[in-house]
Amino acid sequence: MTQQAPPGQRRVDASMSLLNNLMAHPLDEGYAVAARTRPAQGRPNRSRHRIMLVVAFTVLGFLLAIAASQNYRSAPAADKERKDLIARVEQADTRLNDLRGRQTSLADEVRRLQASGLANSDSGAALQQRLDDLELQTGVVAVTGPGLKVVVDDAKNADNKEGRLLDVDLQQLVNGLWTAGAEAISVNGHRLTSLTAIRGAGSAITVDYSSLTPPYTVLAIGETATLPARFAQSSGGQWVQYLVSNFDVRMTTTTEDSLLVPADATIALRYAKVGGPR
C-alpha cells in the first residue's frame, strides 16, 4: 500500500511516481482485458475445428468403406476374367503348336517329292545338293550329328542381380560357338538362324520372341575334335568363363556323339518379285 502524505506536505518519493506506478500496475489494462476475453472467444473455434475433423474422418471412412465394398464385389469377376484369359492363351498356344507340327509334316512331304523329281538327272541331283546346303544354313530342316552341349545357369544366389544371365551373355556364348565352327545351334529347343533375335524382356530372355527360363541348354553341331577348344579360346567362351569365375554363373560343357537340332518352325519363305508396269 502506498503511504499518503499529510496535506500541504510533499511526499519524499514524489519524484519516483513513474516507478511507483509500474510497481503498482505491472500489467497494462488492455492486456488484462484481452486475457479475460480470450478463453470465451477460443472455445467456439476449437469446437468448430473438432466438428470439422469429425466430419472429415467420417466422410473418409465412408469413402473407404465404399471402395472396399466395390473391390470385394468385383474380385470374383476379375478372377474369372483372368482365368478365362489364361485358358484362351493356353488354347492359342496349343493350336499354334498343332499348326507348326502340320507345317513341318507338309514341308517334309514337299521335300520328298522334290527330291524324287530332281534325282532323275545329274543336273537335278546337283541342284538338290545345293538346296540341301541352303536349307541347312537357313535352318529349314532339322540337323543331327555330333557336337557340343553347353548348359548355363544363373548363380545359386537368385537375389544377386550380378549372378543372373542376361541376353548379351547368351548372345556372346552363341557367337563364340559360331566362331568355333558350329554348323547348327539351338537354345532350349529353338533353332537359331540369321533372323533369330536374342533379347531381354524384363528378367526373362527371349529367343525368337519366346520367353525362356534358366538353365539354358545350347546344342551346337560340329566337329567334336576341334569345337570345344576353339570355343574356349573364342571371345564368347572367354566371356562366359569370366562370368563363371567372377559372378558364380554355372556352366557345364560336354561333347556328344549325337545331337538333334530341330528346324525353325517359324521360318517363312521370302522372295523378291520383279515389278512390272502399273
C-alpha atoms as a PDB file:
ATOM      1  CA  MET A   1       0.000   0.000   0.000  1.00  0.00           C
ATOM      2  CA  THR A   2       1.253   3.491  -0.862  1.00  0.00           C
ATOM      3  CA  GLN A   3       1.531   5.847   2.097  1.00  0.00           C
ATOM      4  CA  GLN A   4      -0.373   9.174   1.748  1.00  0.00           C
ATOM      5  CA  ALA A   5       1.464  12.396   2.622  1.00  0.00           C
ATOM      6  CA  PRO A   6      -0.164  14.934   5.046  1.00  0.00           C
ATOM      7  CA  PRO A   7      -1.965  17.905   3.449  1.00  0.00           C
ATOM      8  CA  GLY A   8       0.354  20.601   2.277  1.00  0.00           C
ATOM      9  CA  GLN A   9       3.413  18.371   2.619  1.00  0.00           C
ATOM     10  CA  ARG A  10       5.211  16.962  -0.475  1.00  0.00           C
ATOM     11  CA  ARG A  11       5.970  13.255  -0.441  1.00  0.00           C
ATOM     12  CA  VAL A  12       9.525  12.162  -0.314  1.00  0.00           C
ATOM     13  CA  ASP A  13       9.084   9.711  -3.231  1.00  0.00           C
ATOM     14  CA  ALA A  14       7.029  12.098  -5.370  1.00  0.00           C
ATOM     15  CA  SER A  15       9.830  12.235  -7.897  1.00  0.00           C
ATOM     16  CA  MET A  16       9.543   8.457  -8.309  1.00  0.00           C
ATOM     17  CA  SER A  17       5.863   8.433  -9.318  1.00  0.00           C
ATOM     18  CA  LEU A  18       6.527   6.605 -12.632  1.00  0.00           C
ATOM     19  CA  LEU A  19       8.439   3.854 -10.882  1.00  0.00           C
ATOM     20  CA  ASN A  20       5.729   3.575  -8.251  1.00  0.00           C
ATOM     21  CA  ASN A  21       3.059   3.305 -10.951  1.00  0.00           C
ATOM     22  CA  LEU A  22       4.935   0.449 -12.670  1.00  0.00           C
ATOM     23  CA  MET A  23       5.259  -1.386  -9.377  1.00  0.00           C
ATOM     24  CA  ALA A  24       1.584  -0.922  -8.524  1.00  0.00           C
ATOM     25  CA  HIS A  25       0.275  -1.768 -12.017  1.00  0.00           C
ATOM     26  CA  PRO A  26       2.762  -4.161 -13.733  1.00  0.00           C
ATOM     27  CA  LEU A  27       0.229  -5.311 -16.412  1.00  0.00           C
ATOM     28  CA  ASP A  28      -1.376  -2.918 -18.843  1.00  0.00           C
ATOM     29  CA  GLU A  29      -5.170  -2.776 -18.634  1.00  0.00           C
ATOM     30  CA  GLY A  30      -5.529  -3.622 -22.354  1.00  0.00           C
ATOM     31  CA  TYR A  31      -3.629  -6.912 -21.906  1.00  0.00           C
ATOM     32  CA  ALA A  32      -5.713  -7.789 -18.887  1.00  0.00           C
ATOM     33  CA  VAL A  33      -8.937  -7.258 -20.841  1.00  0.00           C
ATOM     34  CA  ALA A  34      -7.650  -9.369 -23.736  1.00  0.00           C
ATOM     35  CA  ALA A  35      -6.607 -12.140 -21.361  1.00  0.00           C
ATOM     36  CA  ARG A  36     -10.067 -12.195 -19.799  1.00  0.00           C
ATOM     37  CA  THR A  37     -11.908 -12.353 -23.120  1.00  0.00           C
ATOM     38  CA  ARG A  38      -9.634 -14.859 -24.959  1.00  0.00           C
ATOM     39  CA  PRO A  39     -10.978 -18.102 -23.400  1.00  0.00           C
ATOM     40  CA  ALA A  40     -14.530 -17.144 -24.215  1.00  0.00           C
ATOM     41  CA  GLN A  41     -13.586 -16.491 -27.852  1.00  0.00           C
ATOM     42  CA  GLY A  42     -11.380 -19.618 -28.264  1.00  0.00           C
ATOM     43  CA  ARG A  43     -13.862 -22.233 -27.144  1.00  0.00           C
ATOM     44  CA  PRO A  44     -16.204 -21.879 -30.159  1.00  0.00           C
ATOM     45  CA  ASN A  45     -13.241 -22.031 -32.578  1.00  0.00           C
ATOM     46  CA  ARG A  46     -11.835 -25.202 -31.026  1.00  0.00           C
ATOM     47  CA  SER A  47     -15.269 -26.787 -31.001  1.00  0.00           C
ATOM     48  CA  ARG A  48     -15.797 -25.857 -34.641  1.00  0.00           C
ATOM     49  CA  HIS A  49     -12.415 -27.396 -35.610  1.00  0.00           C
ATOM     50  CA  ARG A  50     -13.238 -30.582 -33.773  1.00  0.00           C
ATOM     51  CA  ILE A  51     -16.577 -30.858 -35.538  1.00  0.00           C
ATOM     52  CA  MET A  52     -14.911 -30.345 -38.940  1.00  0.00           C
ATOM     53  CA  LEU A  53     -12.319 -33.046 -38.172  1.00  0.00           C
ATOM     54  CA  VAL A  54     -15.023 -35.489 -37.110  1.00  0.00           C
ATOM     55  CA  VAL A  55     -16.992 -34.809 -40.295  1.00  0.00           C
ATOM     56  CA  ALA A  56     -13.863 -35.195 -42.472  1.00  0.00           C
ATOM     57  CA  PHE A  57     -12.912 -38.513 -40.864  1.00  0.00           C
ATOM     58  CA  THR A  58     -16.489 -39.733 -41.173  1.00  0.00           C
ATOM     59  CA  VAL A  59     -16.606 -38.921 -44.894  1.00  0.00           C
ATOM     60  CA  LEU A  60     -13.172 -40.514 -45.458  1.00  0.00           C
ATOM     61  CA  GLY A  61     -14.224 -43.673 -43.640  1.00  0.00           C
ATOM     62  CA  PHE A  62     -17.429 -43.811 -45.681  1.00  0.00           C
ATOM     63  CA  LEU A  63     -15.491 -43.499 -48.967  1.00  0.00           C
ATOM     64  CA  LEU A  64     -13.014 -46.187 -47.905  1.00  0.00           C
ATOM     65  CA  ALA A  65     -15.859 -48.496 -46.992  1.00  0.00           C
ATOM     66  CA  ILE A  66     -17.475 -47.963 -50.413  1.00  0.00           C
ATOM     67  CA  ALA A  67     -14.151 -48.642 -52.190  1.00  0.00           C
ATOM     68  CA  ALA A  68     -13.548 -51.801 -50.166  1.00  0.00           C
ATOM     69  CA  SER A  69     -17.079 -52.999 -50.897  1.00  0.00           C
ATOM     70  CA  GLN A  70     -16.665 -52.416 -54.633  1.00  0.00           C
ATOM     71  CA  ASN A  71     -13.327 -54.231 -54.684  1.00  0.00           C
ATOM     72  CA  TYR A  72     -14.819 -57.143 -52.789  1.00  0.00           C
ATOM     73  CA  ARG A  73     -17.729 -57.376 -55.216  1.00  0.00           C
ATOM     74  CA  SER A  74     -15.534 -57.087 -58.340  1.00  0.00           C
ATOM     75  CA  ALA A  75     -12.899 -59.605 -57.140  1.00  0.00           C
ATOM     76  CA  PRO A  76     -14.772 -62.741 -58.338  1.00  0.00           C
ATOM     77  CA  ALA A  77     -15.406 -61.175 -61.756  1.00  0.00           C
ATOM     78  CA  ALA A  78     -11.770 -60.119 -62.129  1.00  0.00           C
ATOM     79  CA  ASP A  79     -10.571 -63.586 -61.104  1.00  0.00           C
ATOM     80  CA  LYS A  80     -12.920 -65.196 -63.628  1.00  0.00           C
ATOM     81  CA  GLU A  81     -11.682 -62.886 -66.403  1.00  0.00           C
ATOM     82  CA  ARG A  82      -8.080 -63.739 -65.507  1.00  0.00           C
ATOM     83  CA  LYS A  83      -8.784 -67.484 -65.645  1.00  0.00           C
ATOM     84  CA  ASP A  84     -10.616 -67.096 -68.964  1.00  0.00           C
ATOM     85  CA  LEU A  85      -7.687 -65.154 -70.409  1.00  0.00           C
ATOM     86  CA  ILE A  86      -5.192 -67.807 -69.257  1.00  0.00           C
ATOM     87  CA  ALA A  87      -7.350 -70.532 -70.812  1.00  0.00           C
ATOM     88  CA  ARG A  88      -7.530 -68.624 -74.105  1.00  0.00           C
ATOM     89  CA  VAL A  89      -3.754 -68.174 -74.153  1.00  0.00           C
ATOM     90  CA  GLU A  90      -3.207 -71.875 -73.491  1.00  0.00           C
ATOM     91  CA  GLN A  91      -5.666 -72.805 -76.237  1.00  0.00           C
ATOM     92  CA  ALA A  92      -3.895 -70.455 -78.658  1.00  0.00           C
ATOM     93  CA  ASP A  93      -0.509 -71.985 -77.761  1.00  0.00           C
ATOM     94  CA  THR A  94      -1.879 -75.480 -78.321  1.00  0.00           C
ATOM     95  CA  ARG A  95      -3.334 -74.511 -81.682  1.00  0.00           C
ATOM     96  CA  LEU A  96      -0.066 -72.828 -82.674  1.00  0.00           C
ATOM     97  CA  ASN A  97       1.929 -75.946 -81.819  1.00  0.00           C
ATOM     98  CA  ASP A  98      -0.508 -78.092 -83.803  1.00  0.00           C
ATOM     99  CA  LEU A  99      -0.212 -75.801 -86.813  1.00  0.00           C
ATOM    100  CA  ARG A 100       3.579 -75.839 -86.587  1.00  0.00           C
ATOM    101  CA  GLY A 101       3.565 -79.635 -86.484  1.00  0.00           C
ATOM    102  CA  ARG A 102       1.260 -79.703 -89.509  1.00  0.00           C
ATOM    103  CA  GLN A 103       3.522 -77.255 -91.330  1.00  0.00           C
ATOM    104  CA  THR A 104       6.596 -79.370 -90.605  1.00  0.00           C
ATOM    105  CA  SER A 105       4.963 -82.551 -91.899  1.00  0.00           C
ATOM    106  CA  LEU A 106       3.813 -80.823 -95.089  1.00  0.00           C
ATOM    107  CA  ALA A 107       7.278 -79.351 -95.634  1.00  0.00           C
ATOM    108  CA  ASP A 108       8.843 -82.813 -95.267  1.00  0.00           C
ATOM    109  CA  GLU A 109       6.396 -84.210 -97.811  1.00  0.00           C
ATOM    110  CA  VAL A 110       7.265 -81.410-100.248  1.00  0.00           C
ATOM    111  CA  ARG A 111      10.964 -82.161 -99.874  1.00  0.00           C
ATOM    112  CA  ARG A 112      10.459 -85.867-100.552  1.00  0.00           C
ATOM    113  CA  LEU A 113       8.502 -85.110-103.707  1.00  0.00           C
ATOM    114  CA  GLN A 114      11.111 -82.553-104.708  1.00  0.00           C
ATOM    115  CA  ALA A 115      13.995 -84.971-104.157  1.00  0.00           C
ATOM    116  CA  SER A 116      12.292 -87.713-106.167  1.00  0.00           C
ATOM    117  CA  GLY A 117      11.708 -85.325-109.075  1.00  0.00           C
ATOM    118  CA  LEU A 118      15.289 -83.979-109.126  1.00  0.00           C
ATOM    119  CA  ALA A 119      17.012 -87.359-108.773  1.00  0.00           C
ATOM    120  CA  ASN A 120      16.286 -88.324-112.382  1.00  0.00           C
ATOM    121  CA  SER A 121      19.168 -86.281-113.848  1.00  0.00           C
ATOM    122  CA  ASP A 122      22.680 -85.169-112.949  1.00  0.00           C
ATOM    123  CA  SER A 123      21.727 -81.513-113.057  1.00  0.00           C
ATOM    124  CA  GLY A 124      18.744 -82.236-110.827  1.00  0.00           C
ATOM    125  CA  ALA A 125      20.952 -84.074-108.313  1.00  0.00           C
ATOM    126  CA  ALA A 126      23.394 -81.123-108.225  1.00  0.00           C
ATOM    127  CA  LEU A 127      20.507 -78.747-107.688  1.00  0.00           C
ATOM    128  CA  GLN A 128      19.191 -80.929-104.862  1.00  0.00           C
ATOM    129  CA  GLN A 129      22.595 -80.894-103.180  1.00  0.00           C
ATOM    130  CA  ARG A 130      22.664 -77.124-103.369  1.00  0.00           C
ATOM    131  CA  LEU A 131      19.154 -76.954-101.914  1.00  0.00           C
ATOM    132  CA  ASP A 132      20.188 -79.245 -99.046  1.00  0.00           C
ATOM    133  CA  ASP A 133      23.125 -76.977 -98.218  1.00  0.00           C
ATOM    134  CA  LEU A 134      20.936 -73.864 -98.273  1.00  0.00           C
ATOM    135  CA  GLU A 135      18.265 -75.494 -96.118  1.00  0.00           C
ATOM    136  CA  LEU A 136      20.922 -76.442 -93.579  1.00  0.00           C
ATOM    137  CA  GLN A 137      22.259 -72.898 -93.417  1.00  0.00           C
ATOM    138  CA  THR A 138      18.838 -71.265 -93.166  1.00  0.00           C
ATOM    139  CA  GLY A 139      17.509 -73.699 -90.557  1.00  0.00           C
ATOM    140  CA  VAL A 140      14.666 -75.035 -92.672  1.00  0.00           C
ATOM    141  CA  VAL A 141      15.479 -78.683 -91.861  1.00  0.00           C
ATOM    142  CA  ALA A 142      16.439 -80.453 -88.655  1.00  0.00           C
ATOM    143  CA  VAL A 143      20.067 -81.497 -88.244  1.00  0.00           C
ATOM    144  CA  THR A 144      21.565 -84.478 -86.411  1.00  0.00           C
ATOM    145  CA  GLY A 145      25.188 -85.233 -85.672  1.00  0.00           C
ATOM    146  CA  PRO A 146      27.982 -84.950 -83.116  1.00  0.00           C
ATOM    147  CA  GLY A 147      28.595 -81.697 -81.356  1.00  0.00           C
ATOM    148  CA  LEU A 148      28.918 -79.708 -78.150  1.00  0.00           C
ATOM    149  CA  LYS A 149      26.334 -79.360 -75.385  1.00  0.00           C
ATOM    150  CA  VAL A 150      26.635 -76.262 -73.180  1.00  0.00           C
ATOM    151  CA  VAL A 151      24.338 -75.738 -70.189  1.00  0.00           C
ATOM    152  CA  VAL A 152      24.488 -72.335 -68.455  1.00  0.00           C
ATOM    153  CA  ASP A 153      22.508 -71.231 -65.430  1.00  0.00           C
ATOM    154  CA  ASP A 154      22.224 -68.298 -63.040  1.00  0.00           C
ATOM    155  CA  ALA A 155      24.230 -68.226 -59.843  1.00  0.00           C
ATOM    156  CA  LYS A 156      22.729 -70.097 -56.899  1.00  0.00           C
ATOM    157  CA  ASN A 157      22.002 -66.790 -55.165  1.00  0.00           C
ATOM    158  CA  ALA A 158      18.943 -65.837 -57.190  1.00  0.00           C
ATOM    159  CA  ASP A 159      18.652 -62.481 -55.398  1.00  0.00           C
ATOM    160  CA  ASN A 160      22.046 -61.367 -56.628  1.00  0.00           C
ATOM    161  CA  LYS A 161      21.429 -59.459 -59.862  1.00  0.00           C
ATOM    162  CA  GLU A 162      25.080 -59.728 -60.858  1.00  0.00           C
ATOM    163  CA  GLY A 163      24.707 -63.511 -60.878  1.00  0.00           C
ATOM    164  CA  ARG A 164      21.872 -63.526 -63.410  1.00  0.00           C
ATOM    165  CA  LEU A 165      22.457 -64.285 -67.053  1.00  0.00           C
ATOM    166  CA  LEU A 166      21.463 -61.529 -69.462  1.00  0.00           C
ATOM    167  CA  ASP A 167      20.585 -61.589 -73.144  1.00  0.00           C
ATOM    168  CA  VAL A 168      24.026 -60.227 -74.022  1.00  0.00           C
ATOM    169  CA  ASP A 169      25.643 -63.161 -72.185  1.00  0.00           C
ATOM    170  CA  LEU A 170      23.680 -65.670 -74.243  1.00  0.00           C
ATOM    171  CA  GLN A 171      24.497 -63.729 -77.407  1.00  0.00           C
ATOM    172  CA  GLN A 172      28.212 -63.880 -76.613  1.00  0.00           C
ATOM    173  CA  LEU A 173      28.022 -67.631 -75.975  1.00  0.00           C
ATOM    174  CA  VAL A 174      26.226 -68.330 -79.250  1.00  0.00           C
ATOM    175  CA  ASN A 175      28.573 -66.096 -81.245  1.00  0.00           C
ATOM    176  CA  GLY A 176      31.514 -67.954 -79.731  1.00  0.00           C
ATOM    177  CA  LEU A 177      30.072 -71.271 -80.931  1.00  0.00           C
ATOM    178  CA  TRP A 178      29.517 -69.890 -84.437  1.00  0.00           C
ATOM    179  CA  THR A 179      33.113 -68.648 -84.461  1.00  0.00           C
ATOM    180  CA  ALA A 180      34.352 -72.061 -83.276  1.00  0.00           C
ATOM    181  CA  GLY A 181      32.789 -73.742 -86.327  1.00  0.00           C
ATOM    182  CA  ALA A 182      29.289 -74.792 -85.286  1.00  0.00           C
ATOM    183  CA  GLU A 183      27.050 -75.769 -88.203  1.00  0.00           C
ATOM    184  CA  ALA A 184      23.687 -75.589 -86.407  1.00  0.00           C
ATOM    185  CA  ILE A 185      22.723 -74.240 -82.962  1.00  0.00           C
ATOM    186  CA  SER A 186      19.602 -74.373 -80.817  1.00  0.00           C
ATOM    187  CA  VAL A 187      18.771 -72.828 -77.429  1.00  0.00           C
ATOM    188  CA  ASN A 188      16.223 -74.711 -75.331  1.00  0.00           C
ATOM    189  CA  GLY A 189      14.888 -76.329 -78.490  1.00  0.00           C
ATOM    190  CA  HIS A 190      14.715 -73.112 -80.556  1.00  0.00           C
ATOM    191  CA  ARG A 191      16.757 -73.207 -83.763  1.00  0.00           C
ATOM    192  CA  LEU A 192      18.954 -70.175 -84.367  1.00  0.00           C
ATOM    193  CA  THR A 193      19.093 -68.641 -87.839  1.00  0.00           C
ATOM    194  CA  SER A 194      20.196 -65.355 -89.331  1.00  0.00           C
ATOM    195  CA  LEU A 195      16.740 -63.985 -88.481  1.00  0.00           C
ATOM    196  CA  THR A 196      16.657 -65.141 -84.837  1.00  0.00           C
ATOM    197  CA  ALA A 197      16.711 -62.466 -82.153  1.00  0.00           C
ATOM    198  CA  ILE A 198      18.052 -62.992 -78.623  1.00  0.00           C
ATOM    199  CA  ARG A 199      16.712 -60.213 -76.445  1.00  0.00           C
ATOM    200  CA  GLY A 200      15.864 -59.348 -72.874  1.00  0.00           C
ATOM    201  CA  ALA A 201      12.271 -58.838 -71.738  1.00  0.00           C
ATOM    202  CA  GLY A 202      12.336 -57.727 -68.124  1.00  0.00           C
ATOM    203  CA  SER A 203      14.021 -60.501 -66.149  1.00  0.00           C
ATOM    204  CA  ALA A 204      13.496 -63.087 -68.921  1.00  0.00           C
ATOM    205  CA  ILE A 205      15.487 -63.857 -72.067  1.00  0.00           C
ATOM    206  CA  THR A 206      13.572 -64.345 -75.313  1.00  0.00           C
ATOM    207  CA  VAL A 207      14.806 -66.395 -78.243  1.00  0.00           C
ATOM    208  CA  ASP A 208      12.825 -65.951 -81.414  1.00  0.00           C
ATOM    209  CA  TYR A 209      10.285 -63.978 -79.291  1.00  0.00           C
ATOM    210  CA  SER A 210       9.713 -66.950 -76.962  1.00  0.00           C
ATOM    211  CA  SER A 211      10.474 -66.433 -73.263  1.00  0.00           C
ATOM    212  CA  LEU A 212      12.933 -68.944 -71.837  1.00  0.00           C
ATOM    213  CA  THR A 213      13.740 -69.876 -68.254  1.00  0.00           C
ATOM    214  CA  PRO A 214      17.144 -70.998 -66.965  1.00  0.00           C
ATOM    215  CA  PRO A 215      19.011 -73.252 -67.246  1.00  0.00           C
ATOM    216  CA  TYR A 216      19.726 -72.593 -70.910  1.00  0.00           C
ATOM    217  CA  THR A 217      20.723 -75.665 -72.910  1.00  0.00           C
ATOM    218  CA  VAL A 218      22.686 -74.770 -76.023  1.00  0.00           C
ATOM    219  CA  LEU A 219      23.281 -77.515 -78.623  1.00  0.00           C
ATOM    220  CA  ALA A 220      25.885 -76.933 -81.314  1.00  0.00           C
ATOM    221  CA  ILE A 221      26.527 -79.484 -84.043  1.00  0.00           C
ATOM    222  CA  GLY A 222      30.086 -79.516 -85.303  1.00  0.00           C
ATOM    223  CA  GLU A 223      33.425 -81.301 -85.265  1.00  0.00           C
ATOM    224  CA  THR A 224      33.932 -82.529 -81.703  1.00  0.00           C
ATOM    225  CA  ALA A 225      37.713 -82.770 -82.147  1.00  0.00           C
ATOM    226  CA  THR A 226      38.109 -79.009 -82.570  1.00  0.00           C
ATOM    227  CA  LEU A 227      34.848 -77.364 -81.461  1.00  0.00           C
ATOM    228  CA  PRO A 228      35.386 -77.417 -77.638  1.00  0.00           C
ATOM    229  CA  ALA A 229      38.923 -75.981 -77.741  1.00  0.00           C
ATOM    230  CA  ARG A 230      38.078 -73.324 -80.312  1.00  0.00           C
ATOM    231  CA  PHE A 231      35.022 -72.290 -78.317  1.00  0.00           C
ATOM    232  CA  ALA A 232      37.086 -71.941 -75.128  1.00  0.00           C
ATOM    233  CA  GLN A 233      39.553 -69.699 -76.998  1.00  0.00           C
ATOM    234  CA  SER A 234      36.858 -67.543 -78.602  1.00  0.00           C
ATOM    235  CA  SER A 235      35.745 -64.219 -77.186  1.00  0.00           C
ATOM    236  CA  GLY A 236      32.331 -65.707 -76.386  1.00  0.00           C
ATOM    237  CA  GLY A 237      33.818 -68.614 -74.470  1.00  0.00           C
ATOM    238  CA  GLN A 238      36.105 -66.293 -72.507  1.00  0.00           C
ATOM    239  CA  TRP A 239      33.156 -64.004 -71.772  1.00  0.00           C
ATOM    240  CA  VAL A 240      31.140 -66.821 -70.189  1.00  0.00           C
ATOM    241  CA  GLN A 241      34.205 -68.128 -68.342  1.00  0.00           C
ATOM    242  CA  TYR A 242      34.663 -64.653 -66.850  1.00  0.00           C
ATOM    243  CA  LEU A 243      31.074 -64.789 -65.563  1.00  0.00           C
ATOM    244  CA  VAL A 244      31.726 -68.209 -64.058  1.00  0.00           C
ATOM    245  CA  SER A 245      34.903 -67.066 -62.295  1.00  0.00           C
ATOM    246  CA  ASN A 246      33.638 -63.705 -61.000  1.00  0.00           C
ATOM    247  CA  PHE A 247      29.860 -63.944 -60.621  1.00  0.00           C
ATOM    248  CA  ASP A 248      29.330 -67.671 -59.835  1.00  0.00           C
ATOM    249  CA  VAL A 249      27.419 -68.308 -63.064  1.00  0.00           C
ATOM    250  CA  ARG A 250      27.219 -72.060 -63.643  1.00  0.00           C
ATOM    251  CA  MET A 251      28.296 -73.728 -66.910  1.00  0.00           C
ATOM    252  CA  THR A 252      28.882 -77.326 -67.980  1.00  0.00           C
ATOM    253  CA  THR A 253      30.284 -78.338 -71.350  1.00  0.00           C
ATOM    254  CA  THR A 254      30.173 -81.871 -72.768  1.00  0.00           C
ATOM    255  CA  THR A 255      30.814 -83.413 -76.166  1.00  0.00           C
ATOM    256  CA  GLU A 256      28.058 -85.614 -77.558  1.00  0.00           C
ATOM    257  CA  ASP A 257      28.166 -88.249 -80.286  1.00  0.00           C
ATOM    258  CA  SER A 258      24.640 -87.469 -81.466  1.00  0.00           C
ATOM    259  CA  LEU A 259      22.631 -84.295 -81.091  1.00  0.00           C
ATOM    260  CA  LEU A 260      19.355 -83.188 -82.648  1.00  0.00           C
ATOM    261  CA  VAL A 261      18.903 -79.557 -83.574  1.00  0.00           C
ATOM    262  CA  PRO A 262      15.307 -79.039 -84.730  1.00  0.00           C
ATOM    263  CA  ALA A 263      14.218 -76.993 -87.691  1.00  0.00           C
ATOM    264  CA  ASP A 264      12.993 -73.440 -87.288  1.00  0.00           C
ATOM    265  CA  ALA A 265       9.226 -73.862 -87.291  1.00  0.00           C
ATOM    266  CA  THR A 266       8.628 -70.128 -87.638  1.00  0.00           C
ATOM    267  CA  ILE A 267      10.680 -69.596 -90.777  1.00  0.00           C
ATOM    268  CA  ALA A 268       8.777 -68.336 -93.811  1.00  0.00           C
ATOM    269  CA  LEU A 269       9.713 -68.293 -97.479  1.00  0.00           C
ATOM    270  CA  ARG A 270      10.841 -64.843 -98.606  1.00  0.00           C
ATOM    271  CA  TYR A 271      11.476 -63.957-102.191  1.00  0.00           C
ATOM    272  CA  ALA A 272      11.679 -60.895-104.391  1.00  0.00           C
ATOM    273  CA  LYS A 273       9.192 -60.045-107.092  1.00  0.00           C
ATOM    274  CA  VAL A 274      10.035 -58.351-110.343  1.00  0.00           C
ATOM    275  CA  GLY A 275       7.955 -55.241-110.611  1.00  0.00           C
ATOM    276  CA  GLY A 276       6.124 -54.685-113.873  1.00  0.00           C
ATOM    277  CA  PRO A 277       4.347 -51.694-115.344  1.00  0.00           C
ATOM    278  CA  ARG A 278       1.430 -50.435-113.360  1.00  0.00           C
END
